[in-house]
């Protein structure tokens, strides 16, 4: 049923969806515009959130695609919409923290590594993409 994807990655997706709804409940509907939801055949296939930063840039806070939908371009479309929304906020750059597994994806999307970061889960990199306005 899960093909090349693991049960653990599917569980992580479900936990991320639960976290997204928890954040909506915690932050309120006013922050819902920060969430970008991708649908495939009427079901949620992924999501991303874009938040303004204090330095005038924006942060791609979350990006997750259901492992069953990997390779369909959903992640790239979520990044493109995140860039559009960040630019609409007046941001000149979009930042993201990426683990080692996700870093090549963000590099293909035009992000560049700006430094290392330690997270609770794994070593990661801070990344930045300058936005054309």
C-alpha atoms as a PDB file:
ATOM      1  CA  UNK A   1       0.000   0.000   0.000  1.00  0.00           C
ATOM      2  CA  UNK A   2       2.790   2.445   0.814  1.00  0.00           C
ATOM      3  CA  UNK A   3       5.113   1.410  -2.004  1.00  0.00           C
ATOM      4  CA  UNK A   4       8.564   2.939  -1.527  1.00  0.00           C
ATOM      5  CA  UNK A   5       7.313   5.003   1.405  1.00  0.00           C
ATOM      6  CA  UNK A   6       7.442   3.879   4.976  1.00  0.00           C
ATOM      7  CA  UNK A   7       4.660   3.619   7.481  1.00  0.00           C
ATOM      8  CA  UNK A   8       6.703   6.008   9.639  1.00  0.00           C
ATOM      9  CA  UNK A   9       6.664   8.720   6.967  1.00  0.00           C
ATOM     10  CA  UNK A  10       2.905   8.330   6.549  1.00  0.00           C
ATOM     11  CA  UNK A  11       2.422   8.573  10.309  1.00  0.00           C
ATOM     12  CA  UNK A  12       4.623  11.683  10.293  1.00  0.00           C
ATOM     13  CA  UNK A  13       2.356  13.176   7.602  1.00  0.00           C
ATOM     14  CA  UNK A  14      -0.735  12.514   9.714  1.00  0.00           C
ATOM     15  CA  UNK A  15       0.970  14.020  12.756  1.00  0.00           C
ATOM     16  CA  UNK A  16       1.918  17.096  10.714  1.00  0.00           C
ATOM     17  CA  UNK A  17      -1.705  17.485   9.601  1.00  0.00           C
ATOM     18  CA  UNK A  18      -2.806  17.232  13.227  1.00  0.00           C
ATOM     19  CA  UNK A  19      -0.172  19.849  14.105  1.00  0.00           C
ATOM     20  CA  UNK A  20      -1.433  22.127  11.343  1.00  0.00           C
ATOM     21  CA  UNK A  21      -4.986  21.952  12.694  1.00  0.00           C
ATOM     22  CA  UNK A  22      -3.702  22.479  16.241  1.00  0.00           C
ATOM     23  CA  UNK A  23      -1.877  25.603  15.071  1.00  0.00           C
ATOM     24  CA  UNK A  24      -5.023  26.894  13.370  1.00  0.00           C
ATOM     25  CA  UNK A  25      -6.956  26.345  16.588  1.00  0.00           C
ATOM     26  CA  UNK A  26      -4.212  27.962  18.670  1.00  0.00           C
ATOM     27  CA  UNK A  27      -3.482  30.929  16.415  1.00  0.00           C
ATOM     28  CA  UNK A  28      -7.036  31.448  15.211  1.00  0.00           C
ATOM     29  CA  UNK A  29      -8.577  31.802  11.814  1.00  0.00           C
ATOM     30  CA  UNK A  30      -6.777  35.121  11.221  1.00  0.00           C
ATOM     31  CA  UNK A  31      -3.546  33.190  10.591  1.00  0.00           C
ATOM     32  CA  UNK A  32      -5.186  30.707   8.262  1.00  0.00           C
ATOM     33  CA  UNK A  33      -4.037  32.727   5.203  1.00  0.00           C
ATOM     34  CA  UNK A  34      -0.481  31.678   6.146  1.00  0.00           C
ATOM     35  CA  UNK A  35      -1.388  28.065   5.332  1.00  0.00           C
ATOM     36  CA  UNK A  36      -1.208  26.709   1.802  1.00  0.00           C
ATOM     37  CA  UNK A  37      -3.033  23.435   1.273  1.00  0.00           C
ATOM     38  CA  UNK A  38      -2.411  21.171  -1.736  1.00  0.00           C
ATOM     39  CA  UNK A  39      -5.175  18.813  -2.758  1.00  0.00           C
ATOM     40  CA  UNK A  40      -5.028  15.785  -5.015  1.00  0.00           C
ATOM     41  CA  UNK A  41      -8.212  14.000  -6.041  1.00  0.00           C
ATOM     42  CA  UNK A  42     -10.139  15.782  -3.274  1.00  0.00           C
ATOM     43  CA  UNK A  43      -7.751  14.816  -0.471  1.00  0.00           C
ATOM     44  CA  UNK A  44      -5.058  16.849   1.256  1.00  0.00           C
ATOM     45  CA  UNK A  45      -1.752  15.954  -0.406  1.00  0.00           C
ATOM     46  CA  UNK A  46       0.461  18.507   1.317  1.00  0.00           C
ATOM     47  CA  UNK A  47       0.723  21.843   3.019  1.00  0.00           C
ATOM     48  CA  UNK A  48       3.056  24.740   3.686  1.00  0.00           C
ATOM     49  CA  UNK A  49       2.967  27.823   5.887  1.00  0.00           C
ATOM     50  CA  UNK A  50       4.616  31.175   5.214  1.00  0.00           C
ATOM     51  CA  UNK A  51       5.134  33.631   8.048  1.00  0.00           C
ATOM     52  CA  UNK A  52       6.659  37.111   8.083  1.00  0.00           C
ATOM     53  CA  UNK A  53       9.935  37.527   9.971  1.00  0.00           C
ATOM     54  CA  UNK A  54      11.024  40.497  12.068  1.00  0.00           C
ATOM     55  CA  UNK A  55      13.813  41.283   9.579  1.00  0.00           C
ATOM     56  CA  UNK A  56      11.371  41.908   6.713  1.00  0.00           C
ATOM     57  CA  UNK A  57      11.924  38.517   5.077  1.00  0.00           C
ATOM     58  CA  UNK A  58       9.528  35.563   5.258  1.00  0.00           C
ATOM     59  CA  UNK A  59       9.928  32.053   6.641  1.00  0.00           C
ATOM     60  CA  UNK A  60       8.730  28.895   4.929  1.00  0.00           C
ATOM     61  CA  UNK A  61       7.816  27.465   8.299  1.00  0.00           C
ATOM     62  CA  UNK A  62       6.465  24.115   7.174  1.00  0.00           C
ATOM     63  CA  UNK A  63       6.349  22.186   3.956  1.00  0.00           C
ATOM     64  CA  UNK A  64       5.146  18.625   3.821  1.00  0.00           C
ATOM     65  CA  UNK A  65       3.887  16.413   1.001  1.00  0.00           C
ATOM     66  CA  UNK A  66       2.164  13.096   1.575  1.00  0.00           C
ATOM     67  CA  UNK A  67       4.769  10.444   0.719  1.00  0.00           C
ATOM     68  CA  UNK A  68       2.236   8.770  -1.596  1.00  0.00           C
ATOM     69  CA  UNK A  69       2.271  11.977  -3.694  1.00  0.00           C
ATOM     70  CA  UNK A  70       6.045  12.464  -3.899  1.00  0.00           C
ATOM     71  CA  UNK A  71       7.376  13.071  -7.393  1.00  0.00           C
ATOM     72  CA  UNK A  72       4.203  14.743  -8.685  1.00  0.00           C
ATOM     73  CA  UNK A  73       5.479  18.326  -8.425  1.00  0.00           C
ATOM     74  CA  UNK A  74       3.344  19.207  -5.421  1.00  0.00           C
ATOM     75  CA  UNK A  75       6.327  20.322  -3.338  1.00  0.00           C
ATOM     76  CA  UNK A  76       7.581  22.631  -6.092  1.00  0.00           C
ATOM     77  CA  UNK A  77       4.118  24.147  -6.493  1.00  0.00           C
ATOM     78  CA  UNK A  78       3.867  24.695  -2.730  1.00  0.00           C
ATOM     79  CA  UNK A  79       7.261  26.438  -2.766  1.00  0.00           C
ATOM     80  CA  UNK A  80       6.194  28.594  -5.727  1.00  0.00           C
ATOM     81  CA  UNK A  81       3.019  29.653  -3.919  1.00  0.00           C
ATOM     82  CA  UNK A  82       5.031  30.308  -0.741  1.00  0.00           C
ATOM     83  CA  UNK A  83       7.324  32.581  -2.759  1.00  0.00           C
ATOM     84  CA  UNK A  84       4.336  34.412  -4.236  1.00  0.00           C
ATOM     85  CA  UNK A  85       2.788  34.953  -0.801  1.00  0.00           C
ATOM     86  CA  UNK A  86       6.101  36.039   0.715  1.00  0.00           C
ATOM     87  CA  UNK A  87       6.549  38.604  -2.054  1.00  0.00           C
ATOM     88  CA  UNK A  88       2.974  39.811  -1.476  1.00  0.00           C
ATOM     89  CA  UNK A  89       3.955  40.417   2.166  1.00  0.00           C
ATOM     90  CA  UNK A  90       6.769  42.635   0.881  1.00  0.00           C
ATOM     91  CA  UNK A  91       9.518  40.115   1.675  1.00  0.00           C
ATOM     92  CA  UNK A  92      12.677  40.250  -0.408  1.00  0.00           C
ATOM     93  CA  UNK A  93      13.785  36.768   0.682  1.00  0.00           C
ATOM     94  CA  UNK A  94      12.285  33.465   1.773  1.00  0.00           C
ATOM     95  CA  UNK A  95      14.089  31.427   4.434  1.00  0.00           C
ATOM     96  CA  UNK A  96      13.723  27.769   5.382  1.00  0.00           C
ATOM     97  CA  UNK A  97      15.399  25.292   7.733  1.00  0.00           C
ATOM     98  CA  UNK A  98      16.057  22.035   5.887  1.00  0.00           C
ATOM     99  CA  UNK A  99      17.283  18.680   7.103  1.00  0.00           C
ATOM    100  CA  UNK A 100      19.888  16.792   5.120  1.00  0.00           C
ATOM    101  CA  UNK A 101      17.224  14.817   3.241  1.00  0.00           C
ATOM    102  CA  UNK A 102      15.248  17.934   2.197  1.00  0.00           C
ATOM    103  CA  UNK A 103      18.222  20.182   1.386  1.00  0.00           C
ATOM    104  CA  UNK A 104      18.697  18.942  -2.212  1.00  0.00           C
ATOM    105  CA  UNK A 105      15.008  19.618  -2.935  1.00  0.00           C
ATOM    106  CA  UNK A 106      15.304  23.212  -1.730  1.00  0.00           C
ATOM    107  CA  UNK A 107      18.541  23.671  -3.676  1.00  0.00           C
ATOM    108  CA  UNK A 108      16.715  22.570  -6.851  1.00  0.00           C
ATOM    109  CA  UNK A 109      14.080  25.202  -5.995  1.00  0.00           C
ATOM    110  CA  UNK A 110      16.780  27.899  -5.919  1.00  0.00           C
ATOM    111  CA  UNK A 111      17.561  28.140  -2.199  1.00  0.00           C
ATOM    112  CA  UNK A 112      21.165  28.394  -1.053  1.00  0.00           C
ATOM    113  CA  UNK A 113      22.640  27.242   2.241  1.00  0.00           C
ATOM    114  CA  UNK A 114      23.429  30.110   4.596  1.00  0.00           C
ATOM    115  CA  UNK A 115      24.662  28.105   7.558  1.00  0.00           C
ATOM    116  CA  UNK A 116      24.289  25.036   9.777  1.00  0.00           C
ATOM    117  CA  UNK A 117      21.617  24.639  12.416  1.00  0.00           C
ATOM    118  CA  UNK A 118      21.108  22.132  15.170  1.00  0.00           C
ATOM    119  CA  UNK A 119      17.557  20.886  15.644  1.00  0.00           C
ATOM    120  CA  UNK A 120      15.968  18.395  18.006  1.00  0.00           C
ATOM    121  CA  UNK A 121      15.483  15.941  15.142  1.00  0.00           C
ATOM    122  CA  UNK A 122      18.585  16.059  12.954  1.00  0.00           C
ATOM    123  CA  UNK A 123      21.372  18.304  11.722  1.00  0.00           C
ATOM    124  CA  UNK A 124      19.959  20.936   9.398  1.00  0.00           C
ATOM    125  CA  UNK A 125      20.866  23.925   7.285  1.00  0.00           C
ATOM    126  CA  UNK A 126      19.418  27.391   7.167  1.00  0.00           C
ATOM    127  CA  UNK A 127      18.635  28.328   3.578  1.00  0.00           C
ATOM    128  CA  UNK A 128      17.582  31.465   1.735  1.00  0.00           C
ATOM    129  CA  UNK A 129      16.102  32.343  -1.628  1.00  0.00           C
ATOM    130  CA  UNK A 130      16.086  35.924  -2.833  1.00  0.00           C
ATOM    131  CA  UNK A 131      12.726  36.914  -4.293  1.00  0.00           C
ATOM    132  CA  UNK A 132      12.263  38.943  -7.445  1.00  0.00           C
ATOM    133  CA  UNK A 133       9.710  41.689  -6.946  1.00  0.00           C
END
